[in-house]
Amino acid sequence: MGVTADIRTTLYCADCRNCKLQVWENDDKLDELTKRGYIVQDKQSKAFYLVRCTWTKDTVFQPQRLIKCEGRQPVNE
């Protein structure tokens, strides 16, 4: 699988049409930004990612811990 597909397997909102991913390669400067909770490091691929939601029109804070979203619209529906 690709890096994006691997990341999506861990996200609650992965199958939502509002979920947009931005992914970066490993970079020392991104380590500092992970402390804010918006940019997350994927443990398996060592890549960094950020999740944007087009429903809230904002960045998702700690997307790997999200368990419920009222705006979730699965792509298959």
N, C-alpha and C. Protein backbone atom coordinates (compact mmCIF):
# COMPACT_ATOMS: atom_id res chain seq x y z
N MET A 1 0.83 -1.19 0.00
CA MET A 1 0.00 0.00 0.00
C MET A 1 0.88 1.25 0.00
N GLY A 2 0.28 2.35 -0.40
CA GLY A 2 0.98 3.62 -0.38
C GLY A 2 0.93 4.25 0.99
N VAL A 3 1.67 5.30 1.16
CA VAL A 3 1.75 5.99 2.45
C VAL A 3 0.37 6.52 2.85
N THR A 4 -0.33 7.14 1.91
CA THR A 4 -1.65 7.70 2.21
C THR A 4 -2.63 6.60 2.61
N ALA A 5 -2.62 5.49 1.91
CA ALA A 5 -3.51 4.37 2.24
C ALA A 5 -3.21 3.81 3.62
N ASP A 6 -1.93 3.73 3.98
CA ASP A 6 -1.56 3.24 5.31
C ASP A 6 -2.07 4.17 6.40
N ILE A 7 -1.94 5.46 6.17
CA ILE A 7 -2.41 6.44 7.16
C ILE A 7 -3.92 6.37 7.30
N ARG A 8 -4.62 6.26 6.20
CA ARG A 8 -6.09 6.23 6.23
C ARG A 8 -6.64 5.02 7.00
N THR A 9 -5.89 3.94 7.10
CA THR A 9 -6.37 2.77 7.84
C THR A 9 -6.49 3.05 9.34
N THR A 10 -5.80 4.09 9.82
CA THR A 10 -5.82 4.39 11.25
C THR A 10 -6.78 5.53 11.61
N LEU A 11 -7.42 6.15 10.62
CA LEU A 11 -8.26 7.32 10.89
C LEU A 11 -9.74 6.98 10.86
N TYR A 12 -10.50 7.54 11.80
CA TYR A 12 -11.95 7.36 11.85
C TYR A 12 -12.61 7.98 10.62
N CYS A 13 -12.11 9.11 10.19
CA CYS A 13 -12.73 9.85 9.09
C CYS A 13 -12.15 9.48 7.72
N ALA A 14 -11.42 8.39 7.63
CA ALA A 14 -10.73 8.04 6.39
C ALA A 14 -11.66 7.83 5.21
N ASP A 15 -12.86 7.32 5.45
CA ASP A 15 -13.78 7.06 4.35
C ASP A 15 -14.80 8.18 4.16
N CYS A 16 -14.54 9.33 4.75
CA CYS A 16 -15.44 10.49 4.64
C CYS A 16 -15.04 11.34 3.43
N ARG A 17 -16.04 11.80 2.70
CA ARG A 17 -15.75 12.64 1.53
C ARG A 17 -15.21 14.01 1.92
N ASN A 18 -15.33 14.40 3.20
CA ASN A 18 -14.82 15.69 3.68
C ASN A 18 -13.37 15.62 4.14
N CYS A 19 -12.82 14.42 4.28
CA CYS A 19 -11.46 14.22 4.80
C CYS A 19 -10.43 14.40 3.70
N LYS A 20 -9.50 15.32 3.92
CA LYS A 20 -8.41 15.57 2.98
C LYS A 20 -7.08 15.45 3.72
N LEU A 21 -6.15 14.70 3.15
CA LEU A 21 -4.84 14.49 3.77
C LEU A 21 -3.76 15.28 3.05
N GLN A 22 -2.82 15.80 3.83
CA GLN A 22 -1.59 16.37 3.31
C GLN A 22 -0.46 15.58 3.98
N VAL A 23 0.47 15.08 3.19
CA VAL A 23 1.52 14.20 3.71
C VAL A 23 2.88 14.74 3.32
N TRP A 24 3.83 14.71 4.28
CA TRP A 24 5.20 15.15 4.07
C TRP A 24 6.16 14.02 4.41
N GLU A 25 7.32 14.05 3.78
CA GLU A 25 8.38 13.11 4.13
C GLU A 25 8.96 13.49 5.48
N ASN A 26 9.77 12.63 6.03
CA ASN A 26 10.42 12.87 7.31
C ASN A 26 11.28 14.13 7.25
N ASP A 27 11.12 15.00 8.24
CA ASP A 27 11.86 16.27 8.30
C ASP A 27 12.02 16.65 9.76
N ASP A 28 13.22 17.04 10.15
CA ASP A 28 13.49 17.40 11.54
C ASP A 28 12.66 18.59 12.01
N LYS A 29 12.37 19.53 11.13
CA LYS A 29 11.61 20.72 11.51
C LYS A 29 10.15 20.38 11.82
N LEU A 30 9.63 19.33 11.21
CA LEU A 30 8.24 18.94 11.45
C LEU A 30 8.05 18.33 12.83
N ASP A 31 9.12 17.80 13.43
CA ASP A 31 9.03 17.24 14.78
C ASP A 31 8.52 18.28 15.77
N GLU A 32 8.94 19.52 15.62
CA GLU A 32 8.51 20.59 16.52
C GLU A 32 7.03 20.90 16.34
N LEU A 33 6.53 20.79 15.14
CA LEU A 33 5.12 21.10 14.88
C LEU A 33 4.16 20.03 15.38
N THR A 34 4.66 18.82 15.61
CA THR A 34 3.79 17.76 16.11
C THR A 34 3.32 18.05 17.53
N LYS A 35 4.03 18.89 18.26
CA LYS A 35 3.65 19.22 19.64
C LYS A 35 2.32 19.98 19.68
N ARG A 36 1.97 20.66 18.60
CA ARG A 36 0.71 21.41 18.54
C ARG A 36 -0.49 20.50 18.31
N GLY A 37 -0.27 19.30 17.79
CA GLY A 37 -1.35 18.34 17.61
C GLY A 37 -1.99 18.33 16.24
N TYR A 38 -1.63 19.26 15.37
CA TYR A 38 -2.23 19.28 14.04
C TYR A 38 -1.48 18.39 13.06
N ILE A 39 -0.15 18.44 13.13
CA ILE A 39 0.67 17.59 12.27
C ILE A 39 1.06 16.37 13.08
N VAL A 40 0.78 15.19 12.53
CA VAL A 40 0.98 13.93 13.23
C VAL A 40 2.00 13.10 12.47
N GLN A 41 2.85 12.39 13.21
CA GLN A 41 3.80 11.49 12.56
C GLN A 41 3.23 10.08 12.55
N ASP A 42 3.18 9.49 11.38
CA ASP A 42 2.76 8.10 11.24
C ASP A 42 3.92 7.20 11.66
N LYS A 43 3.67 6.33 12.60
CA LYS A 43 4.75 5.50 13.16
C LYS A 43 5.34 4.53 12.13
N GLN A 44 4.50 3.94 11.29
CA GLN A 44 4.98 2.93 10.34
C GLN A 44 5.81 3.53 9.21
N SER A 45 5.29 4.58 8.58
CA SER A 45 5.97 5.13 7.40
C SER A 45 6.94 6.25 7.73
N LYS A 46 6.91 6.74 8.96
CA LYS A 46 7.75 7.87 9.40
C LYS A 46 7.38 9.18 8.69
N ALA A 47 6.28 9.17 7.94
CA ALA A 47 5.82 10.38 7.25
C ALA A 47 4.98 11.22 8.22
N PHE A 48 4.86 12.49 7.93
CA PHE A 48 4.04 13.40 8.71
C PHE A 48 2.79 13.72 7.91
N TYR A 49 1.66 13.88 8.60
CA TYR A 49 0.43 14.20 7.88
C TYR A 49 -0.43 15.18 8.66
N LEU A 50 -1.29 15.84 7.92
CA LEU A 50 -2.23 16.81 8.46
C LEU A 50 -3.59 16.48 7.83
N VAL A 51 -4.66 16.55 8.61
CA VAL A 51 -6.00 16.25 8.10
C VAL A 51 -6.82 17.53 8.08
N ARG A 52 -7.38 17.82 6.92
CA ARG A 52 -8.28 18.97 6.76
C ARG A 52 -9.69 18.43 6.56
N CYS A 53 -10.67 19.09 7.14
CA CYS A 53 -12.07 18.71 6.99
C CYS A 53 -12.79 19.81 6.21
N THR A 54 -13.40 19.46 5.09
CA THR A 54 -14.11 20.47 4.32
C THR A 54 -15.48 20.78 4.91
N TRP A 55 -15.96 19.96 5.84
CA TRP A 55 -17.23 20.25 6.52
C TRP A 55 -17.02 21.37 7.55
N THR A 56 -15.97 21.25 8.37
CA THR A 56 -15.70 22.28 9.37
C THR A 56 -14.83 23.41 8.79
N LYS A 57 -14.25 23.14 7.62
CA LYS A 57 -13.34 24.10 6.97
C LYS A 57 -12.16 24.46 7.87
N ASP A 58 -11.65 23.44 8.55
CA ASP A 58 -10.55 23.63 9.49
C ASP A 58 -9.70 22.38 9.55
N THR A 59 -8.56 22.51 10.20
CA THR A 59 -7.67 21.39 10.44
C THR A 59 -8.20 20.58 11.61
N VAL A 60 -8.10 19.26 11.51
CA VAL A 60 -8.58 18.37 12.57
C VAL A 60 -7.48 18.22 13.61
N PHE A 61 -7.79 18.54 14.86
CA PHE A 61 -6.84 18.42 15.96
C PHE A 61 -6.76 16.97 16.40
N GLN A 62 -5.58 16.41 16.44
CA GLN A 62 -5.31 15.01 16.80
C GLN A 62 -6.26 14.05 16.09
N PRO A 63 -6.19 13.98 14.76
CA PRO A 63 -7.12 13.16 13.99
C PRO A 63 -7.03 11.66 14.31
N GLN A 64 -5.90 11.20 14.77
CA GLN A 64 -5.73 9.78 15.09
C GLN A 64 -6.54 9.38 16.32
N ARG A 65 -7.05 10.34 17.09
CA ARG A 65 -7.83 10.05 18.30
C ARG A 65 -9.31 10.37 18.14
N LEU A 66 -9.71 10.79 16.96
CA LEU A 66 -11.10 11.14 16.69
C LEU A 66 -11.98 9.89 16.76
N ILE A 67 -13.10 9.97 17.50
CA ILE A 67 -13.99 8.81 17.61
C ILE A 67 -15.41 9.12 17.12
N LYS A 68 -15.76 10.39 16.92
CA LYS A 68 -17.11 10.74 16.46
C LYS A 68 -17.06 12.07 15.71
N CYS A 69 -17.81 12.17 14.62
CA CYS A 69 -17.93 13.42 13.87
C CYS A 69 -19.34 13.50 13.29
N GLU A 70 -20.07 14.56 13.60
CA GLU A 70 -21.44 14.71 13.12
C GLU A 70 -21.51 15.02 11.63
N GLY A 71 -20.42 15.49 11.07
CA GLY A 71 -20.41 15.84 9.66
C GLY A 71 -19.89 14.74 8.75
N ARG A 72 -19.68 13.56 9.31
CA ARG A 72 -19.10 12.46 8.54
C ARG A 72 -20.06 12.01 7.43
N GLN A 73 -19.55 11.98 6.22
CA GLN A 73 -20.31 11.55 5.05
C GLN A 73 -19.51 10.49 4.30
N PRO A 74 -19.76 9.22 4.61
CA PRO A 74 -18.99 8.16 3.94
C PRO A 74 -19.13 8.24 2.42
N VAL A 75 -18.06 7.96 1.72
CA VAL A 75 -18.02 8.04 0.27
C VAL A 75 -18.98 7.03 -0.36
N ASN A 76 -19.14 5.88 0.26
CA ASN A 76 -19.97 4.81 -0.29
C ASN A 76 -21.46 5.07 -0.22
N GLU A 77 -21.89 6.06 0.55
CA GLU A 77 -23.35 6.30 0.69
C GLU A 77 -23.84 7.23 -0.38
